[in-house]
C-alpha atoms as a PDB file:
ATOM      1  CA  MET A   1      19.929  -6.070  10.602  1.00  0.00           C
ATOM      2  CA  THR A   2      17.195  -8.451  11.457  1.00  0.00           C
ATOM      3  CA  GLU A   3      14.280  -7.617  13.768  1.00  0.00           C
ATOM      4  CA  TYR A   4      10.948  -8.711  14.187  1.00  0.00           C
ATOM      5  CA  PHE A   5       7.927  -6.772  14.403  1.00  0.00           C
ATOM      6  CA  LEU A   6       6.098  -6.922  17.921  1.00  0.00           C
ATOM      7  CA  GLY A   7       3.205  -4.488  17.345  1.00  0.00           C
ATOM      8  CA  ASN A   8       2.332  -0.828  17.502  1.00  0.00           C
ATOM      9  CA  ALA A   9       4.042   1.396  20.225  1.00  0.00           C
ATOM     10  CA  THR A  10       0.687   2.647  22.054  1.00  0.00           C
ATOM     11  CA  GLU A  11       2.447   5.288  23.858  1.00  0.00           C
ATOM     12  CA  HIS A  12       4.335   6.867  20.862  1.00  0.00           C
ATOM     13  CA  TYR A  13       2.550   8.340  18.039  1.00  0.00           C
ATOM     14  CA  GLN A  14       2.913   6.120  14.592  1.00  0.00           C
ATOM     15  CA  CYS A  15       5.326   4.070  16.156  1.00  0.00           C
ATOM     16  CA  HIS A  16       6.528   0.286  15.472  1.00  0.00           C
ATOM     17  CA  LYS A  17       7.610  -1.918  18.774  1.00  0.00           C
ATOM     18  CA  VAL A  18      10.408  -4.238  17.295  1.00  0.00           C
ATOM     19  CA  TRP A  19      12.990  -7.012  18.504  1.00  0.00           C
ATOM     20  CA  THR A  20      16.206  -6.606  17.466  1.00  0.00           C
ATOM     21  CA  PHE A  21      18.532  -9.848  17.026  1.00  0.00           C
ATOM     22  CA  ASP A  22      21.852  -7.778  17.225  1.00  0.00           C
ATOM     23  CA  THR A  23      20.994  -6.237  20.256  1.00  0.00           C
ATOM     24  CA  ARG A  24      18.966  -8.574  21.565  1.00  0.00           C
ATOM     25  CA  SER A  25      16.406  -5.815  22.997  1.00  0.00           C
ATOM     26  CA  VAL A  26      12.746  -4.254  22.004  1.00  0.00           C
ATOM     27  CA  GLN A  27      13.632  -0.792  20.029  1.00  0.00           C
ATOM     28  CA  ILE A  28      11.154   1.791  18.853  1.00  0.00           C
ATOM     29  CA  GLY A  29      11.032   2.971  15.388  1.00  0.00           C
ATOM     30  CA  HIS A  30       9.296   5.380  13.646  1.00  0.00           C
ATOM     31  CA  THR A  31       9.532   3.841   9.948  1.00  0.00           C
ATOM     32  CA  VAL A  32       9.574   0.144   9.631  1.00  0.00           C
ATOM     33  CA  PHE A  33       9.900  -1.795   6.165  1.00  0.00           C
ATOM     34  CA  PHE A  34       8.262  -5.354   5.910  1.00  0.00           C
ATOM     35  CA  LYS A  35      10.208  -7.452   3.733  1.00  0.00           C
ATOM     36  CA  HIS A  36       8.556 -10.538   2.926  1.00  0.00           C
ATOM     37  CA  LYS A  37      10.884 -12.507   0.995  1.00  0.00           C
ATOM     38  CA  TYR A  38       9.118 -15.752   0.627  1.00  0.00           C
ATOM     39  CA  LEU A  39       5.466 -13.853  -0.399  1.00  0.00           C
ATOM     40  CA  THR A  40       5.298 -12.367  -3.651  1.00  0.00           C
ATOM     41  CA  GLN A  41       2.317 -10.508  -4.948  1.00  0.00           C
ATOM     42  CA  PRO A  42      -0.296 -12.266  -6.710  1.00  0.00           C
ATOM     43  CA  SER A  43      -0.244 -12.318 -10.653  1.00  0.00           C
ATOM     44  CA  ILE A  44      -3.041 -12.716 -12.916  1.00  0.00           C
ATOM     45  CA  ILE A  45      -2.236 -16.117 -14.570  1.00  0.00           C
ATOM     46  CA  GLU A  46      -3.265 -17.797 -17.335  1.00  0.00           C
ATOM     47  CA  SER A  47      -6.328 -20.152 -15.694  1.00  0.00           C
ATOM     48  CA  ASP A  48      -7.948 -17.298 -13.953  1.00  0.00           C
ATOM     49  CA  THR A  49      -7.852 -15.279 -17.426  1.00  0.00           C
ATOM     50  CA  LEU A  50      -9.472 -18.227 -19.258  1.00  0.00           C
ATOM     51  CA  LEU A  51     -12.153 -18.116 -16.289  1.00  0.00           C
ATOM     52  CA  ARG A  52     -12.890 -14.819 -16.658  1.00  0.00           C
ATOM     53  CA  ALA A  53     -13.288 -15.055 -20.486  1.00  0.00           C
ATOM     54  CA  SER A  54     -15.323 -18.534 -20.166  1.00  0.00           C
ATOM     55  CA  ALA A  55     -17.722 -16.724 -17.449  1.00  0.00           C
ATOM     56  CA  LYS A  56     -18.392 -13.638 -19.927  1.00  0.00           C
ATOM     57  CA  LEU A  57     -19.040 -16.122 -22.979  1.00  0.00           C
ATOM     58  CA  CYS A  58     -21.648 -18.042 -21.085  1.00  0.00           C
ATOM     59  CA  ALA A  59     -23.144 -14.857 -19.622  1.00  0.00           C
ATOM     60  CA  VAL A  60     -23.316 -13.856 -23.730  1.00  0.00           C
ATOM     61  CA  LEU A  61     -24.475 -16.937 -24.404  1.00  0.00           C
ATOM     62  CA  LYS A  62     -27.338 -17.020 -21.548  1.00  0.00           C
ATOM     63  CA  ASP A  63     -28.374 -13.464 -22.793  1.00  0.00           C
ATOM     64  CA  THR A  64     -29.324 -14.248 -25.848  1.00  0.00           C
ATOM     65  CA  GLY A  65     -32.161 -16.372 -25.472  1.00  0.00           C
ATOM     66  CA  THR A  66     -32.510 -18.709 -28.106  1.00  0.00           C
ATOM     67  CA  PRO A  67     -30.639 -22.600 -27.973  1.00  0.00           C
ATOM     68  CA  VAL A  68     -27.037 -22.877 -29.304  1.00  0.00           C
ATOM     69  CA  LYS A  69     -27.443 -24.885 -32.759  1.00  0.00           C
ATOM     70  CA  GLY A  70     -25.328 -25.729 -35.506  1.00  0.00           C
ATOM     71  CA  ASP A  71     -21.604 -24.075 -35.952  1.00  0.00           C
ATOM     72  CA  THR A  72     -22.236 -21.575 -32.639  1.00  0.00           C
ATOM     73  CA  ARG A  73     -22.407 -25.327 -31.051  1.00  0.00           C
ATOM     74  CA  ARG A  74     -19.401 -26.838 -32.458  1.00  0.00           C
ATOM     75  CA  THR A  75     -17.323 -23.821 -31.339  1.00  0.00           C
ATOM     76  CA  VAL A  76     -18.508 -23.568 -28.038  1.00  0.00           C
ATOM     77  CA  SER A  77     -17.389 -27.266 -27.900  1.00  0.00           C
ATOM     78  CA  MET A  78     -13.898 -26.756 -29.645  1.00  0.00           C
ATOM     79  CA  LEU A  79     -13.417 -23.829 -26.978  1.00  0.00           C
ATOM     80  CA  MET A  80     -14.493 -25.821 -23.787  1.00  0.00           C
ATOM     81  CA  ASP A  81     -12.272 -28.611 -25.134  1.00  0.00           C
ATOM     82  CA  ILE A  82      -9.222 -25.719 -25.430  1.00  0.00           C
ATOM     83  CA  PHE A  83     -10.340 -24.435 -21.674  1.00  0.00           C
ATOM     84  CA  LYS A  84      -9.950 -28.234 -20.683  1.00  0.00           C
ATOM     85  CA  ASN A  85      -6.440 -28.927 -22.137  1.00  0.00           C
ATOM     86  CA  VAL A  86      -5.205 -25.416 -21.023  1.00  0.00           C
ATOM     87  CA  ALA A  87      -6.550 -25.976 -17.413  1.00  0.00           C
ATOM     88  CA  LYS A  88      -4.840 -29.280 -17.185  1.00  0.00           C
ATOM     89  CA  THR A  89      -1.142 -28.213 -17.964  1.00  0.00           C
ATOM     90  CA  THR A  90      -1.887 -25.208 -16.128  1.00  0.00           C
ATOM     91  CA  ALA A  91      -2.786 -27.189 -13.026  1.00  0.00           C
ATOM     92  CA  ALA A  92       0.641 -28.923 -13.659  1.00  0.00           C
ATOM     93  CA  VAL A  93       2.650 -25.718 -13.569  1.00  0.00           C
ATOM     94  CA  GLU A  94       0.749 -24.160 -10.691  1.00  0.00           C
ATOM     95  CA  ASP A  95       1.622 -27.417  -8.637  1.00  0.00           C
ATOM     96  CA  LYS A  96       5.005 -27.094  -9.450  1.00  0.00           C
ATOM     97  CA  HIS A  97       5.095 -23.535  -8.147  1.00  0.00           C
ATOM     98  CA  LYS A  98       3.279 -24.370  -5.341  1.00  0.00           C
ATOM     99  CA  GLU A  99       6.177 -26.644  -4.298  1.00  0.00           C
ATOM    100  CA  SER A 100       8.707 -24.600  -4.856  1.00  0.00           C
ATOM    101  CA  ARG A 101       6.971 -22.240  -2.576  1.00  0.00           C
ATOM    102  CA  SER A 102       6.709 -24.742  -0.038  1.00  0.00           C
ATOM    103  CA  ASN A 103      10.073 -25.760  -0.119  1.00  0.00           C
ATOM    104  CA  ALA A 104      11.443 -22.471   0.244  1.00  0.00           C
ATOM    105  CA  ALA A 105       9.658 -21.724   3.263  1.00  0.00           C
ATOM    106  CA  THR A 106      10.949 -25.045   4.759  1.00  0.00           C
ATOM    107  CA  THR A 107      14.476 -24.418   3.961  1.00  0.00           C
ATOM    108  CA  HIS A 108      14.180 -20.703   5.061  1.00  0.00           C
ATOM    109  CA  THR A 109      12.654 -21.891   8.555  1.00  0.00           C
ATOM    110  CA  THR A 110      15.638 -24.852   8.771  1.00  0.00           C
ATOM    111  CA  ASN A 111      18.133 -21.745   8.239  1.00  0.00           C
ATOM    112  CA  GLU A 112      16.663 -19.982  10.695  1.00  0.00           C
ATOM    113  CA  GLU A 113      16.599 -22.506  13.134  1.00  0.00           C
ATOM    114  CA  SER A 114      20.171 -23.620  12.545  1.00  0.00           C
ATOM    115  CA  GLU A 115      21.913 -20.342  12.742  1.00  0.00           C
ATOM    116  CA  PRO A 116      23.920 -20.074  15.938  1.00  0.00           C
ATOM    117  CA  MET A 117      22.808 -17.664  18.482  1.00  0.00           C
ATOM    118  CA  SER A 118      25.729 -16.051  20.580  1.00  0.00           C
ATOM    119  CA  ASN A 119      25.100 -14.295  24.112  1.00  0.00           C
END
């Protein structure tokens, strides 16, 4: 059954007003399940993990108080190169995910608009 949330039913304790597509009327329900097809739970992606790791590394290097030289400097430069390369590839993957989510939302909207409304 397709329903659209209208808001809280102020005249009833902990109830919600919903418009039901099948009956074409406003109904009051005690329990409402919000199902979002095209919204997903955010997850920690690789670029977020890399940003957190680089922030921690920067904090550690700043706390040492001595200039970074020699092997440590070369290692930090190598890590920065790795971060940059991974960020580029991750950005491309994220762009593909954003595009597919956008396409799915457009398809969903188009499907809803094209559904015939019976009287």
